[in-house]
Amino acid sequence: MLDPYFKAMLDAQAAAAPPQGGPPIAAVPPEMVRAGYRAQRTSQNVNTTIASVVARDLEVGGGPRPARLYTPEGAATPSGLLVYFHGGGFVIGDLETHDAHCRRLAHYSGQRVMAVDYRLAPENPFPAGHDDALAATKWAFDHAAELGADPARIGVGGDSAGGNLAASVAHDLKADPARRLKLQLLLYPATWPEVETETRRERDGPVLSKAAMAFFEASLAFAGHPDAHRAMPGRAKDHAGLPPAYIVTAGFDPLEHEGRDYAAAINAAGGHAHHANYPALVHDFFIMGDVSPAVVDAAKEAGAAIRAALG
């Protein structure tokens, strides 16, 4: 059964929608889609506690990339560090849409979190965002001391498209002896498995529609690229050697089964993946913290997983 608080939110949105519906997402300029998403999510996610938020630019391969370093109250120096990539289909989302979420992760884990604002499609198609994510993670290892972090306790994380980026970085770095990730926090990740899952095939919303998924995939434009495998961790030939994973799925989400199956693939390859499913919740729930108490409960559990891996 759908969480009653999210049901009330979705019912209210349906009642307020124009009878004829809006234009298809592909017909709306990306900046307008981003502005609408930012306004909606920031209004649903404002209750947070954090000691310090410091903005900085990371000098990485694609040019200076904005980032925010979240330090919780009482954090040790050095602490663990989670390098975090926001969701939004590689097209929308930014540091603002996920600010409260990153504050919660830092607060409940007791570890530092660094959110990275990677380049977005369609203006910057694949592999721009994936390159930024990898470069930012390498930068974090190489500059851990100035971040107040221990280079031996660094992980990556992200939600939805950001979960895809985090999983991709974990694959890219698994053969790098100088940069050993301790965690991949994958929140309802898009993994693009070889065979379309039942939940991708049969679910059209809520929150994440088939039209939106098609638009995001077309905008990312990875099909046919020689490095397209980096965008499809669900199709990786070898999942051995990956860092431990904490993978979250939601019961009312088209991506539910690919997250579940990705955890199973890591475990089958001899790794360790913990799969936490929230059957009453929807895609994107982590950044709608004011909608339901269940979101805070899930954030506390994710924070505990981060603390166990990086603390």
Protein backbone atom coordinates (compact mmCIF):
# COMPACT_ATOMS: atom_id res chain seq x y z
CA MET A 1 0.00 0.00 0.00
CA LEU A 2 1.28 3.45 -0.90
CA ASP A 3 2.46 5.56 2.05
CA PRO A 4 -0.59 7.68 3.04
CA TYR A 5 1.40 10.92 3.12
CA PHE A 6 2.71 10.38 -0.40
CA LYS A 7 -0.76 9.35 -1.54
CA ALA A 8 -2.14 12.63 -0.22
CA MET A 9 0.60 14.54 -2.04
CA LEU A 10 0.00 12.74 -5.33
CA ASP A 11 -3.79 13.15 -5.03
CA ALA A 12 -3.37 16.88 -4.44
CA GLN A 13 -1.07 17.19 -7.45
CA ALA A 14 -3.55 15.31 -9.63
CA ALA A 15 -6.42 17.53 -8.48
CA ALA A 16 -4.42 20.69 -9.26
CA ALA A 17 -3.31 19.54 -12.71
CA PRO A 18 -5.05 21.09 -15.75
CA PRO A 19 -7.67 18.78 -17.30
CA GLN A 20 -5.82 18.61 -20.60
CA GLY A 21 -2.46 17.99 -18.95
CA GLY A 22 0.73 19.85 -19.66
CA PRO A 23 3.04 19.65 -22.66
CA PRO A 24 5.25 16.55 -22.94
CA ILE A 25 8.50 16.91 -21.03
CA ALA A 26 10.51 16.65 -24.26
CA ALA A 27 8.76 19.78 -25.56
CA VAL A 28 9.76 21.96 -22.60
CA PRO A 29 13.16 23.73 -22.60
CA PRO A 30 15.52 22.02 -20.14
CA GLU A 31 15.99 25.19 -18.08
CA MET A 32 12.24 25.40 -17.47
CA VAL A 33 12.10 21.74 -16.44
CA ARG A 34 15.02 22.33 -14.08
CA ALA A 35 13.43 25.41 -12.53
CA GLY A 36 10.16 23.60 -11.92
CA TYR A 37 11.89 20.60 -10.38
CA ARG A 38 14.03 22.86 -8.17
CA ALA A 39 11.00 24.80 -6.91
CA GLN A 40 9.03 21.65 -6.18
CA ARG A 41 11.71 19.67 -4.41
CA THR A 42 13.12 22.52 -2.32
CA SER A 43 9.60 23.27 -1.05
CA GLN A 44 9.21 19.63 0.04
CA ASN A 45 12.53 19.28 1.79
CA VAL A 46 13.48 22.04 4.22
CA ASN A 47 13.86 20.57 7.71
CA THR A 48 17.55 19.90 8.29
CA THR A 49 20.33 20.14 10.87
CA ILE A 50 23.99 20.65 10.01
CA ALA A 51 27.05 22.36 11.52
CA SER A 52 28.77 23.66 8.41
CA VAL A 53 28.21 23.94 4.66
CA VAL A 54 31.11 25.25 2.59
CA ALA A 55 30.85 25.97 -1.13
CA ARG A 56 33.89 25.43 -3.30
CA ASP A 57 34.90 24.76 -6.89
CA LEU A 58 36.70 21.58 -7.83
CA GLU A 59 39.30 21.92 -10.54
CA VAL A 60 38.60 18.79 -12.56
CA GLY A 61 38.98 17.77 -16.19
CA GLY A 62 35.77 19.39 -17.44
CA GLY A 63 36.62 22.71 -15.80
CA PRO A 64 35.71 24.10 -12.36
CA ARG A 65 32.73 22.22 -10.93
CA PRO A 66 30.71 23.64 -8.02
CA ALA A 67 30.57 21.48 -4.90
CA ARG A 68 29.42 21.72 -1.30
CA LEU A 69 31.11 20.18 1.70
CA TYR A 70 28.75 19.26 4.55
CA THR A 71 30.29 18.79 7.99
CA PRO A 72 28.01 17.55 10.78
CA GLU A 73 28.11 18.64 14.40
CA GLY A 74 30.85 16.85 16.32
CA ALA A 75 32.50 15.32 13.26
CA ALA A 76 36.00 14.03 13.86
CA THR A 77 38.89 15.37 11.81
CA PRO A 78 39.62 13.45 9.79
CA SER A 79 36.28 11.78 9.21
CA GLY A 80 34.95 9.56 6.49
CA LEU A 81 33.78 11.26 3.30
CA LEU A 82 30.90 10.45 0.97
CA VAL A 83 31.24 11.99 -2.51
CA TYR A 84 27.63 12.48 -3.60
CA PHE A 85 25.97 12.92 -7.01
CA HIS A 86 22.41 14.22 -7.26
CA GLY A 87 19.66 12.58 -9.25
CA GLY A 88 17.48 14.07 -11.97
CA GLY A 89 17.85 11.90 -15.05
CA PHE A 90 21.23 13.50 -15.93
CA VAL A 91 19.18 16.53 -17.08
CA ILE A 92 17.70 18.18 -13.98
CA GLY A 93 18.66 18.45 -10.32
CA ASP A 94 21.48 20.46 -8.76
CA LEU A 95 23.09 21.33 -5.45
CA GLU A 96 19.94 23.13 -4.31
CA THR A 97 17.48 20.33 -5.03
CA HIS A 98 19.53 17.93 -2.92
CA ASP A 99 20.84 20.32 -0.26
CA ALA A 100 18.53 19.19 2.55
CA HIS A 101 19.07 15.54 1.63
CA CYS A 102 22.87 15.89 1.85
CA ARG A 103 22.52 17.71 5.16
CA ARG A 104 20.51 14.78 6.52
CA LEU A 105 23.01 12.20 5.29
CA ALA A 106 25.86 14.07 6.97
CA HIS A 107 23.87 14.61 10.16
CA TYR A 108 22.72 11.01 10.55
CA SER A 109 26.06 9.48 9.54
CA GLY A 110 28.37 11.79 11.47
CA GLN A 111 30.63 11.86 8.38
CA ARG A 112 31.41 14.57 5.86
CA VAL A 113 29.49 14.64 2.58
CA MET A 114 30.69 16.42 -0.56
CA ALA A 115 27.99 17.04 -3.17
CA VAL A 116 29.23 17.58 -6.73
CA ASP A 117 27.40 19.57 -9.43
CA TYR A 118 28.34 17.64 -12.58
CA ARG A 119 27.58 18.79 -16.13
CA LEU A 120 24.05 18.09 -17.34
CA ALA A 121 22.62 16.78 -20.58
CA PRO A 122 21.44 17.52 -23.22
CA GLU A 123 23.86 20.45 -23.40
CA ASN A 124 26.61 18.13 -22.18
CA PRO A 125 25.85 14.60 -23.44
CA PHE A 126 27.55 11.42 -22.28
CA PRO A 127 30.24 11.03 -21.04
CA ALA A 128 30.51 14.57 -19.61
CA GLY A 129 28.65 13.88 -16.35
CA HIS A 130 30.33 10.51 -15.88
CA ASP A 131 33.75 12.06 -16.50
CA ASP A 132 33.01 14.80 -13.95
CA ALA A 133 31.91 12.24 -11.35
CA LEU A 134 35.06 10.18 -11.80
CA ALA A 135 37.34 13.23 -11.79
CA ALA A 136 35.65 14.67 -8.68
CA THR A 137 36.08 11.38 -6.81
CA LYS A 138 39.75 11.20 -7.74
CA TRP A 139 40.10 14.83 -6.64
CA ALA A 140 38.56 13.97 -3.26
CA PHE A 141 41.13 11.21 -2.70
CA ASP A 142 43.98 13.48 -3.70
CA HIS A 143 42.78 16.43 -1.55
CA ALA A 144 41.31 14.51 1.38
CA ALA A 145 43.38 16.36 3.98
CA GLU A 146 42.07 19.78 3.00
CA LEU A 147 38.51 18.41 3.19
CA GLY A 148 39.07 17.10 6.70
CA ALA A 149 38.68 13.55 5.39
CA ASP A 150 40.61 10.31 5.70
CA PRO A 151 41.59 9.02 2.23
CA ALA A 152 41.22 5.48 3.55
CA ARG A 153 37.53 6.13 4.34
CA ILE A 154 35.97 7.52 1.17
CA GLY A 155 32.79 6.33 -0.51
CA VAL A 156 30.55 7.42 -3.36
CA GLY A 157 26.80 7.82 -3.39
CA GLY A 158 23.89 9.11 -5.39
CA ASP A 159 20.21 8.79 -6.08
CA SER A 160 18.61 7.72 -9.38
CA ALA A 161 20.90 9.13 -12.10
CA GLY A 162 23.36 9.99 -9.35
CA GLY A 163 23.25 6.37 -8.26
CA ASN A 164 24.18 5.43 -11.81
CA LEU A 165 27.16 7.81 -11.62
CA ALA A 166 28.26 6.41 -8.26
CA ALA A 167 28.04 2.83 -9.55
CA SER A 168 29.97 3.83 -12.67
CA VAL A 169 32.72 5.43 -10.58
CA ALA A 170 32.94 2.28 -8.45
CA HIS A 171 33.54 0.23 -11.61
CA ASP A 172 36.04 2.76 -12.98
CA LEU A 173 38.09 2.75 -9.77
CA LYS A 174 37.98 -0.90 -8.78
CA ALA A 175 41.38 -1.53 -10.41
CA ASP A 176 42.96 1.64 -8.95
CA PRO A 177 45.13 0.54 -5.98
CA ALA A 178 45.65 4.12 -4.81
CA ARG A 179 41.94 4.95 -4.56
CA ARG A 180 40.00 2.22 -2.78
CA LEU A 181 36.37 3.09 -2.19
CA LYS A 182 34.82 1.82 1.03
CA LEU A 183 31.17 2.24 0.04
CA GLN A 184 28.78 2.81 -2.82
CA LEU A 185 25.48 4.24 -1.58
CA LEU A 186 23.01 3.67 -4.42
CA LEU A 187 19.55 5.11 -3.81
CA TYR A 188 17.00 3.78 -6.35
CA PRO A 189 19.75 3.72 -8.99
CA ALA A 190 19.26 3.56 -12.74
CA THR A 191 21.48 0.70 -13.93
CA TRP A 192 20.13 -0.16 -17.41
CA PRO A 193 20.23 -3.96 -17.12
CA GLU A 194 20.58 -6.14 -20.21
CA VAL A 195 16.94 -7.29 -20.03
CA GLU A 196 14.22 -4.78 -19.22
CA THR A 197 12.88 -5.47 -15.74
CA GLU A 198 9.25 -6.11 -14.95
CA THR A 199 8.97 -2.86 -12.98
CA ARG A 200 10.42 -0.77 -15.84
CA ARG A 201 8.08 -2.48 -18.26
CA GLU A 202 4.87 -2.30 -16.23
CA ARG A 203 5.12 0.89 -14.14
CA ASP A 204 4.43 4.35 -15.49
CA GLY A 205 4.88 6.60 -12.47
CA PRO A 206 4.12 7.77 -9.93
CA VAL A 207 6.79 10.50 -9.94
CA LEU A 208 8.92 8.81 -12.63
CA SER A 209 7.00 8.27 -15.87
CA LYS A 210 7.88 6.30 -18.97
CA ALA A 211 7.94 9.56 -20.96
CA ALA A 212 10.41 11.10 -18.52
CA MET A 213 12.66 8.05 -18.61
CA ALA A 214 12.68 8.07 -22.41
CA PHE A 215 13.45 11.80 -22.43
CA PHE A 216 16.31 11.41 -19.96
CA GLU A 217 17.85 8.51 -21.87
CA ALA A 218 17.62 10.35 -25.20
CA SER A 219 19.13 13.48 -23.63
CA LEU A 220 22.07 11.58 -22.16
CA ALA A 221 22.73 10.19 -25.66
CA PHE A 222 25.03 7.36 -24.68
CA ALA A 223 23.72 4.83 -27.20
CA GLY A 224 26.42 3.93 -29.70
CA HIS A 225 29.21 5.65 -27.78
CA PRO A 226 32.34 3.47 -27.50
CA ASP A 227 32.28 3.91 -23.69
CA ALA A 228 28.53 3.40 -23.33
CA HIS A 229 29.16 0.56 -20.87
CA ARG A 230 30.05 3.18 -18.26
CA ALA A 231 26.43 4.37 -18.30
CA MET A 232 25.05 0.84 -17.92
CA PRO A 233 26.55 -0.76 -14.79
CA GLY A 234 23.72 -3.30 -14.83
CA ARG A 235 25.28 -4.78 -17.97
CA ALA A 236 28.82 -5.02 -16.60
CA LYS A 237 30.46 -8.34 -17.42
CA ASP A 238 32.21 -8.52 -14.05
CA HIS A 239 30.94 -7.24 -10.71
CA ALA A 240 33.84 -8.74 -8.74
CA GLY A 241 36.07 -6.40 -6.79
CA LEU A 242 33.47 -3.67 -6.24
CA PRO A 243 33.28 -1.86 -2.89
CA PRO A 244 30.50 -2.78 -0.45
CA ALA A 245 27.13 -1.41 -1.48
CA TYR A 246 24.04 -0.15 0.31
CA ILE A 247 21.28 -0.18 -2.28
CA VAL A 248 17.83 1.30 -1.66
CA THR A 249 14.73 0.64 -3.75
CA ALA A 250 11.11 1.80 -3.49
CA GLY A 251 7.98 -0.25 -4.06
CA PHE A 252 6.26 2.37 -6.23
CA ASP A 253 9.20 2.98 -8.55
CA PRO A 254 9.90 1.72 -12.10
CA LEU A 255 13.55 1.28 -11.08
CA GLU A 256 12.79 -1.04 -8.17
CA HIS A 257 13.86 -4.33 -9.74
CA GLU A 258 17.06 -3.09 -11.35
CA GLY A 259 18.33 -1.90 -7.98
CA ARG A 260 17.35 -5.22 -6.41
CA ASP A 261 19.01 -7.17 -9.22
CA TYR A 262 22.16 -5.05 -9.07
CA ALA A 263 22.56 -5.91 -5.39
CA ALA A 264 22.10 -9.58 -6.24
CA ALA A 265 24.74 -9.36 -9.00
CA ILE A 266 27.31 -7.87 -6.60
CA ASN A 267 26.64 -10.58 -4.04
CA ALA A 268 26.79 -13.31 -6.68
CA ALA A 269 30.25 -12.04 -7.69
CA GLY A 270 31.53 -12.47 -4.14
CA GLY A 271 31.02 -8.89 -3.02
CA HIS A 272 28.75 -7.48 -0.35
CA ALA A 273 25.57 -5.54 -1.12
CA HIS A 274 22.81 -4.80 1.37
CA HIS A 275 19.44 -4.24 -0.31
CA ALA A 276 16.94 -2.10 1.62
CA ASN A 277 13.49 -1.96 0.03
CA TYR A 278 10.78 0.49 1.10
CA PRO A 279 7.62 -1.02 -0.39
CA ALA A 280 5.32 1.92 0.44
CA LEU A 281 7.51 4.68 -1.02
CA VAL A 282 8.02 6.28 -4.43
CA HIS A 283 10.93 7.24 -6.64
CA ASP A 284 12.75 10.39 -5.44
CA PHE A 285 11.47 9.99 -1.88
CA PHE A 286 14.78 10.87 -0.21
CA ILE A 287 14.51 14.47 -1.41
CA MET A 288 10.91 14.89 -0.27
CA GLY A 289 11.78 14.81 3.41
CA ASP A 290 8.86 16.94 4.58
CA VAL A 291 6.21 14.79 2.88
CA SER A 292 6.33 11.73 5.14
CA PRO A 293 8.01 10.66 8.40
CA ALA A 294 9.09 7.52 6.52
CA VAL A 295 11.67 9.58 4.62
CA VAL A 296 13.46 10.61 7.80
CA ASP A 297 13.43 7.00 8.99
CA ALA A 298 15.03 5.88 5.71
CA ALA A 299 17.60 8.70 5.93
CA LYS A 300 18.54 7.56 9.44
CA GLU A 301 19.07 4.02 8.16
CA ALA A 302 21.17 5.26 5.23
CA GLY A 303 23.17 7.41 7.65
CA ALA A 304 23.84 4.36 9.81
CA ALA A 305 25.07 2.49 6.75
CA ILE A 306 27.43 5.34 5.87
CA ARG A 307 28.72 5.48 9.44
CA ALA A 308 29.30 1.71 9.51
CA ALA A 309 31.32 1.83 6.29
CA LEU A 310 33.19 5.11 6.68
CA GLY A 311 33.15 5.92 10.40
